[in-house]
Amino acid sequence: MPKLVDHEERRAGIAEALIRVAGRRGLHAVGMRDVAAEAGVSLRLVQYYFQTKEKLLFYGLKHLTDRFTARVGARLRDVGDDPGPRATVEALLLAALPDDEESRTFHLLYTSYAVLSVTDGALAAEPFVENPDAAEDAVTRLLEQAREAGLLARGADPRAEAIGLLAMSAGLGTAILVGQRKPESAVAVLRYHLDRLFEGARDSSGTDG
């Protein structure tokens, strides 16, 4: 009896190959032939599943985003069942910093994809993040909870603060990526701003990131 082919498993394997090659060489330099060689399959098979390079990039980066989402979930579980808004916001922000190989690859490819989509209409037409405001909405809700509990600095606007914190985290991530800043320095900067936002009061559960 012929072996049944798991097409999703095949696609995932090709996506992992894309991520490995792009992590080494940069997203702009990766072709379908490179991905086929890395995955140990034929170019024709890669073309069968993805037809174009744009579709391959879209699928591969969505696969990477799903892995990153799971990483964030694991970090949140590590801070406990009821960590409070301060510790939860901190966990979300720190999860985005490229402090190991997987998070470095995510940050590199995410940034590369954004740059490529500026000049590539096919990429721009299919943003690989299904809900680009999800992180902003989540941090805003947490800061609203903190304000209601009297933990937030007086006059702080939860939405504006969420946007600023996420932009800061992204910028610090890029600084780590290019060697301008060490991960521990970026963590210290984020915690400094969180201390000011939460008026210096830390949740009793805390988190070391």
C-alpha atoms as a PDB file:
ATOM      1  CA  MET A   1       0.000   0.000   0.000  1.00  0.00           C
ATOM      2  CA  PRO A   2       1.541   3.378  -0.982  1.00  0.00           C
ATOM      3  CA  LYS A   3       2.471   5.723   1.832  1.00  0.00           C
ATOM      4  CA  LEU A   4       0.012   8.597   2.317  1.00  0.00           C
ATOM      5  CA  VAL A   5       1.567  12.024   1.890  1.00  0.00           C
ATOM      6  CA  ASP A   6       0.921  14.564   4.659  1.00  0.00           C
ATOM      7  CA  HIS A   7       0.782  17.750   2.589  1.00  0.00           C
ATOM      8  CA  GLU A   8       0.735  20.090   5.571  1.00  0.00           C
ATOM      9  CA  GLU A   9       3.805  18.377   6.963  1.00  0.00           C
ATOM     10  CA  ARG A  10       5.507  18.814   3.578  1.00  0.00           C
ATOM     11  CA  ARG A  11       4.607  22.483   3.483  1.00  0.00           C
ATOM     12  CA  ALA A  12       5.821  22.984   7.040  1.00  0.00           C
ATOM     13  CA  GLY A  13       9.122  21.277   6.224  1.00  0.00           C
ATOM     14  CA  ILE A  14       9.644  23.579   3.237  1.00  0.00           C
ATOM     15  CA  ALA A  15       8.728  26.589   5.389  1.00  0.00           C
ATOM     16  CA  GLU A  16      11.308  25.568   7.990  1.00  0.00           C
ATOM     17  CA  ALA A  17      13.907  25.322   5.219  1.00  0.00           C
ATOM     18  CA  LEU A  18      13.021  28.837   4.075  1.00  0.00           C
ATOM     19  CA  ILE A  19      13.430  30.152   7.614  1.00  0.00           C
ATOM     20  CA  ARG A  20      16.844  28.510   8.013  1.00  0.00           C
ATOM     21  CA  VAL A  21      18.184  29.799   4.702  1.00  0.00           C
ATOM     22  CA  ALA A  22      16.764  33.287   5.154  1.00  0.00           C
ATOM     23  CA  GLY A  23      18.157  33.443   8.688  1.00  0.00           C
ATOM     24  CA  ARG A  24      21.641  32.829   7.275  1.00  0.00           C
ATOM     25  CA  ARG A  25      21.492  34.834   4.059  1.00  0.00           C
ATOM     26  CA  GLY A  26      18.663  37.337   4.405  1.00  0.00           C
ATOM     27  CA  LEU A  27      15.198  37.119   2.947  1.00  0.00           C
ATOM     28  CA  HIS A  28      16.033  39.142  -0.162  1.00  0.00           C
ATOM     29  CA  ALA A  29      18.717  36.640  -1.249  1.00  0.00           C
ATOM     30  CA  VAL A  30      16.611  33.481  -0.983  1.00  0.00           C
ATOM     31  CA  GLY A  31      15.245  31.755  -4.077  1.00  0.00           C
ATOM     32  CA  MET A  32      13.004  28.725  -4.430  1.00  0.00           C
ATOM     33  CA  ARG A  33      15.954  26.632  -5.604  1.00  0.00           C
ATOM     34  CA  ASP A  34      17.851  27.484  -2.389  1.00  0.00           C
ATOM     35  CA  VAL A  35      14.876  26.432  -0.285  1.00  0.00           C
ATOM     36  CA  ALA A  36      14.488  23.168  -2.218  1.00  0.00           C
ATOM     37  CA  ALA A  37      18.160  22.319  -1.636  1.00  0.00           C
ATOM     38  CA  GLU A  38      17.887  23.120   2.083  1.00  0.00           C
ATOM     39  CA  ALA A  39      14.737  21.006   2.430  1.00  0.00           C
ATOM     40  CA  GLY A  40      16.255  18.115   0.452  1.00  0.00           C
ATOM     41  CA  VAL A  41      13.439  18.104  -2.097  1.00  0.00           C
ATOM     42  CA  SER A  42      13.163  18.958  -5.779  1.00  0.00           C
ATOM     43  CA  LEU A  43      12.541  22.473  -7.044  1.00  0.00           C
ATOM     44  CA  ARG A  44       9.477  21.101  -8.808  1.00  0.00           C
ATOM     45  CA  LEU A  45       8.005  19.976  -5.472  1.00  0.00           C
ATOM     46  CA  VAL A  46       8.475  23.446  -3.958  1.00  0.00           C
ATOM     47  CA  GLN A  47       6.814  24.952  -7.037  1.00  0.00           C
ATOM     48  CA  TYR A  48       3.980  22.431  -6.789  1.00  0.00           C
ATOM     49  CA  TYR A  49       3.136  23.550  -3.259  1.00  0.00           C
ATOM     50  CA  PHE A  50       3.770  27.284  -3.577  1.00  0.00           C
ATOM     51  CA  GLN A  51       3.804  28.233  -7.300  1.00  0.00           C
ATOM     52  CA  THR A  52       5.596  31.559  -6.697  1.00  0.00           C
ATOM     53  CA  LYS A  53       8.301  32.903  -4.425  1.00  0.00           C
ATOM     54  CA  GLU A  54       5.807  35.381  -2.944  1.00  0.00           C
ATOM     55  CA  LYS A  55       3.473  32.567  -1.864  1.00  0.00           C
ATOM     56  CA  LEU A  56       6.402  30.687  -0.371  1.00  0.00           C
ATOM     57  CA  LEU A  57       7.508  33.765   1.601  1.00  0.00           C
ATOM     58  CA  PHE A  58       3.981  34.439   2.795  1.00  0.00           C
ATOM     59  CA  TYR A  59       3.500  30.883   4.041  1.00  0.00           C
ATOM     60  CA  GLY A  60       6.971  30.650   5.566  1.00  0.00           C
ATOM     61  CA  LEU A  61       6.669  33.861   7.513  1.00  0.00           C
ATOM     62  CA  LYS A  62       3.172  33.026   8.706  1.00  0.00           C
ATOM     63  CA  HIS A  63       4.627  29.736   9.947  1.00  0.00           C
ATOM     64  CA  LEU A  64       7.334  31.686  11.774  1.00  0.00           C
ATOM     65  CA  THR A  65       4.744  34.044  13.254  1.00  0.00           C
ATOM     66  CA  ASP A  66       2.747  31.085  14.603  1.00  0.00           C
ATOM     67  CA  ARG A  67       5.910  29.815  16.302  1.00  0.00           C
ATOM     68  CA  PHE A  68       6.537  33.250  17.784  1.00  0.00           C
ATOM     69  CA  THR A  69       2.956  33.451  19.086  1.00  0.00           C
ATOM     70  CA  ALA A  70       3.499  30.126  20.852  1.00  0.00           C
ATOM     71  CA  ARG A  71       6.725  31.524  22.354  1.00  0.00           C
ATOM     72  CA  VAL A  72       4.854  34.531  23.735  1.00  0.00           C
ATOM     73  CA  GLY A  73       2.221  32.210  25.194  1.00  0.00           C
ATOM     74  CA  ALA A  74       4.895  30.139  26.920  1.00  0.00           C
ATOM     75  CA  ARG A  75       6.481  33.253  28.431  1.00  0.00           C
ATOM     76  CA  LEU A  76       3.116  34.408  29.750  1.00  0.00           C
ATOM     77  CA  ARG A  77       2.488  31.009  31.313  1.00  0.00           C
ATOM     78  CA  ASP A  78       5.871  31.266  33.035  1.00  0.00           C
ATOM     79  CA  VAL A  79       4.845  34.407  34.923  1.00  0.00           C
ATOM     80  CA  GLY A  80       2.020  32.580  36.694  1.00  0.00           C
ATOM     81  CA  ASP A  81      -1.752  32.208  36.709  1.00  0.00           C
ATOM     82  CA  ASP A  82      -2.531  35.764  37.836  1.00  0.00           C
ATOM     83  CA  PRO A  83       0.568  37.896  37.263  1.00  0.00           C
ATOM     84  CA  GLY A  84      -1.184  41.274  37.075  1.00  0.00           C
ATOM     85  CA  PRO A  85      -1.002  43.820  34.238  1.00  0.00           C
ATOM     86  CA  ARG A  86       2.563  45.033  34.891  1.00  0.00           C
ATOM     87  CA  ALA A  87       4.159  41.584  34.722  1.00  0.00           C
ATOM     88  CA  THR A  88       2.005  40.596  31.734  1.00  0.00           C
ATOM     89  CA  VAL A  89       2.932  43.704  29.729  1.00  0.00           C
ATOM     90  CA  GLU A  90       6.592  43.133  30.560  1.00  0.00           C
ATOM     91  CA  ALA A  91       6.424  39.512  29.438  1.00  0.00           C
ATOM     92  CA  LEU A  92       4.847  40.525  26.121  1.00  0.00           C
ATOM     93  CA  LEU A  93       7.476  43.176  25.443  1.00  0.00           C
ATOM     94  CA  LEU A  94      10.437  41.018  26.414  1.00  0.00           C
ATOM     95  CA  ALA A  95       9.251  38.120  24.279  1.00  0.00           C
ATOM     96  CA  ALA A  96       9.775  40.306  21.203  1.00  0.00           C
ATOM     97  CA  LEU A  97      13.446  41.021  21.936  1.00  0.00           C
ATOM     98  CA  PRO A  98      15.903  38.910  19.871  1.00  0.00           C
ATOM     99  CA  ASP A  99      17.825  37.302  22.718  1.00  0.00           C
ATOM    100  CA  ASP A 100      18.253  33.828  21.186  1.00  0.00           C
ATOM    101  CA  GLU A 101      18.532  32.282  17.729  1.00  0.00           C
ATOM    102  CA  GLU A 102      14.808  31.763  17.157  1.00  0.00           C
ATOM    103  CA  SER A 103      13.755  35.250  18.239  1.00  0.00           C
ATOM    104  CA  ARG A 104      16.673  36.754  16.299  1.00  0.00           C
ATOM    105  CA  THR A 105      15.515  34.961  13.150  1.00  0.00           C
ATOM    106  CA  PHE A 106      11.931  36.105  13.701  1.00  0.00           C
ATOM    107  CA  HIS A 107      12.966  39.736  14.113  1.00  0.00           C
ATOM    108  CA  LEU A 108      15.301  39.612  11.113  1.00  0.00           C
ATOM    109  CA  LEU A 109      12.762  38.044   8.756  1.00  0.00           C
ATOM    110  CA  TYR A 110       9.843  40.142   9.996  1.00  0.00           C
ATOM    111  CA  THR A 111      11.844  43.317   9.359  1.00  0.00           C
ATOM    112  CA  SER A 112      13.092  42.064   5.990  1.00  0.00           C
ATOM    113  CA  TYR A 113       9.554  41.187   4.906  1.00  0.00           C
ATOM    114  CA  ALA A 114       8.325  44.670   5.837  1.00  0.00           C
ATOM    115  CA  VAL A 115      11.110  46.293   3.787  1.00  0.00           C
ATOM    116  CA  LEU A 116      10.538  44.023   0.774  1.00  0.00           C
ATOM    117  CA  SER A 117       6.798  44.667   0.798  1.00  0.00           C
ATOM    118  CA  VAL A 118       7.436  48.382   0.235  1.00  0.00           C
ATOM    119  CA  THR A 119       8.628  47.664  -3.320  1.00  0.00           C
ATOM    120  CA  ASP A 120       6.958  44.301  -4.003  1.00  0.00           C
ATOM    121  CA  GLY A 121       3.272  44.702  -4.756  1.00  0.00           C
ATOM    122  CA  ALA A 122       2.536  40.985  -4.372  1.00  0.00           C
ATOM    123  CA  LEU A 123       3.924  40.980  -0.824  1.00  0.00           C
ATOM    124  CA  ALA A 124       2.209  44.235   0.086  1.00  0.00           C
ATOM    125  CA  ALA A 125      -1.133  42.816  -1.047  1.00  0.00           C
ATOM    126  CA  GLU A 126      -0.914  39.903   1.418  1.00  0.00           C
ATOM    127  CA  PRO A 127       0.369  41.025   4.819  1.00  0.00           C
ATOM    128  CA  PHE A 128       1.356  37.870   6.674  1.00  0.00           C
ATOM    129  CA  VAL A 129       0.148  39.145  10.057  1.00  0.00           C
ATOM    130  CA  GLU A 130      -3.597  38.468  10.074  1.00  0.00           C
ATOM    131  CA  ASN A 131      -4.348  40.963  12.845  1.00  0.00           C
ATOM    132  CA  PRO A 132      -1.588  43.589  12.931  1.00  0.00           C
ATOM    133  CA  ASP A 133      -3.231  45.447  15.835  1.00  0.00           C
ATOM    134  CA  ALA A 134      -3.526  42.395  18.103  1.00  0.00           C
ATOM    135  CA  ALA A 135      -0.479  43.237  20.250  1.00  0.00           C
ATOM    136  CA  GLU A 136      -1.473  46.899  20.512  1.00  0.00           C
ATOM    137  CA  ASP A 137      -5.002  45.963  21.561  1.00  0.00           C
ATOM    138  CA  ALA A 138      -3.741  43.450  24.125  1.00  0.00           C
ATOM    139  CA  VAL A 139      -1.305  45.893  25.761  1.00  0.00           C
ATOM    140  CA  THR A 140      -3.950  48.632  25.735  1.00  0.00           C
ATOM    141  CA  ARG A 141      -6.406  46.383  27.574  1.00  0.00           C
ATOM    142  CA  LEU A 142      -3.776  45.526  30.176  1.00  0.00           C
ATOM    143  CA  LEU A 143      -2.953  49.197  30.737  1.00  0.00           C
ATOM    144  CA  GLU A 144      -6.656  49.983  31.057  1.00  0.00           C
ATOM    145  CA  GLN A 145      -6.891  47.312  33.743  1.00  0.00           C
ATOM    146  CA  ALA A 146      -3.913  48.862  35.504  1.00  0.00           C
ATOM    147  CA  ARG A 147      -5.521  52.319  35.351  1.00  0.00           C
ATOM    148  CA  GLU A 148      -8.765  50.976  36.840  1.00  0.00           C
ATOM    149  CA  ALA A 149      -6.769  49.362  39.650  1.00  0.00           C
ATOM    150  CA  GLY A 150      -4.928  52.619  40.363  1.00  0.00           C
ATOM    151  CA  LEU A 151      -1.587  51.214  39.231  1.00  0.00           C
ATOM    152  CA  LEU A 152      -0.978  53.444  36.230  1.00  0.00           C
ATOM    153  CA  ALA A 153       0.644  56.874  36.334  1.00  0.00           C
ATOM    154  CA  ARG A 154      -1.917  59.655  36.546  1.00  0.00           C
ATOM    155  CA  GLY A 155      -2.911  61.045  33.153  1.00  0.00           C
ATOM    156  CA  ALA A 156      -1.403  58.160  31.171  1.00  0.00           C
ATOM    157  CA  ASP A 157      -3.350  57.233  28.034  1.00  0.00           C
ATOM    158  CA  PRO A 158      -3.434  53.405  27.690  1.00  0.00           C
ATOM    159  CA  ARG A 159      -3.637  53.354  23.877  1.00  0.00           C
ATOM    160  CA  ALA A 160      -0.883  55.915  23.355  1.00  0.00           C
ATOM    161  CA  GLU A 161       1.336  54.212  25.943  1.00  0.00           C
ATOM    162  CA  ALA A 162       0.762  50.797  24.308  1.00  0.00           C
ATOM    163  CA  ILE A 163       1.779  52.153  20.908  1.00  0.00           C
ATOM    164  CA  GLY A 164       4.890  53.746  22.393  1.00  0.00           C
ATOM    165  CA  LEU A 165       5.951  50.655  24.330  1.00  0.00           C
ATOM    166  CA  LEU A 166       5.589  48.361  21.315  1.00  0.00           C
ATOM    167  CA  ALA A 167       7.474  50.788  19.081  1.00  0.00           C
ATOM    168  CA  MET A 168      10.220  50.976  21.708  1.00  0.00           C
ATOM    169  CA  SER A 169      10.411  47.194  21.942  1.00  0.00           C
ATOM    170  CA  ALA A 170      10.675  46.900  18.139  1.00  0.00           C
ATOM    171  CA  GLY A 171      13.371  49.577  17.975  1.00  0.00           C
ATOM    172  CA  LEU A 172      15.371  47.999  20.764  1.00  0.00           C
ATOM    173  CA  GLY A 173      15.058  44.658  18.995  1.00  0.00           C
ATOM    174  CA  THR A 174      16.623  46.134  15.865  1.00  0.00           C
ATOM    175  CA  ALA A 175      19.397  47.700  17.965  1.00  0.00           C
ATOM    176  CA  ILE A 176      20.181  44.248  19.390  1.00  0.00           C
ATOM    177  CA  LEU A 177      20.079  42.723  15.918  1.00  0.00           C
ATOM    178  CA  VAL A 178      22.703  45.109  14.520  1.00  0.00           C
ATOM    179  CA  GLY A 179      24.927  44.873  17.590  1.00  0.00           C
ATOM    180  CA  GLN A 180      24.288  48.373  18.907  1.00  0.00           C
ATOM    181  CA  ARG A 181      22.821  47.148  22.178  1.00  0.00           C
ATOM    182  CA  LYS A 182      22.998  44.030  24.337  1.00  0.00           C
ATOM    183  CA  PRO A 183      19.754  42.233  25.254  1.00  0.00           C
ATOM    184  CA  GLU A 184      20.225  42.992  28.955  1.00  0.00           C
ATOM    185  CA  SER A 185      20.567  46.710  28.153  1.00  0.00           C
ATOM    186  CA  ALA A 186      17.333  46.633  26.151  1.00  0.00           C
ATOM    187  CA  VAL A 187      15.556  44.861  29.023  1.00  0.00           C
ATOM    188  CA  ALA A 188      16.779  47.539  31.449  1.00  0.00           C
ATOM    189  CA  VAL A 189      15.451  50.318  29.188  1.00  0.00           C
ATOM    190  CA  LEU A 190      12.026  48.688  28.899  1.00  0.00           C
ATOM    191  CA  ARG A 191      11.812  48.144  32.645  1.00  0.00           C
ATOM    192  CA  TYR A 192      12.844  51.751  33.287  1.00  0.00           C
ATOM    193  CA  HIS A 193       9.912  53.003  31.215  1.00  0.00           C
ATOM    194  CA  LEU A 194       7.526  50.505  32.773  1.00  0.00           C
ATOM    195  CA  ASP A 195       8.591  51.646  36.255  1.00  0.00           C
ATOM    196  CA  ARG A 196       7.740  55.232  35.312  1.00  0.00           C
ATOM    197  CA  LEU A 197       4.430  54.203  33.740  1.00  0.00           C
ATOM    198  CA  PHE A 198       3.458  52.151  36.774  1.00  0.00           C
ATOM    199  CA  GLU A 199       4.706  54.852  39.151  1.00  0.00           C
ATOM    200  CA  GLY A 200       7.582  52.646  40.328  1.00  0.00           C
ATOM    201  CA  ALA A 201       5.266  50.018  41.812  1.00  0.00           C
ATOM    202  CA  ARG A 202       6.036  46.441  40.687  1.00  0.00           C
ATOM    203  CA  ASP A 203       3.529  43.594  40.727  1.00  0.00           C
ATOM    204  CA  SER A 204       4.230  41.300  43.635  1.00  0.00           C
ATOM    205  CA  SER A 205       4.678  38.366  41.235  1.00  0.00           C
ATOM    206  CA  GLY A 206       7.256  40.238  39.131  1.00  0.00           C
ATOM    207  CA  THR A 207       9.159  38.767  36.231  1.00  0.00           C
ATOM    208  CA  ASP A 208      12.795  38.560  35.275  1.00  0.00           C
ATOM    209  CA  GLY A 209      12.014  38.113  31.559  1.00  0.00           C
END
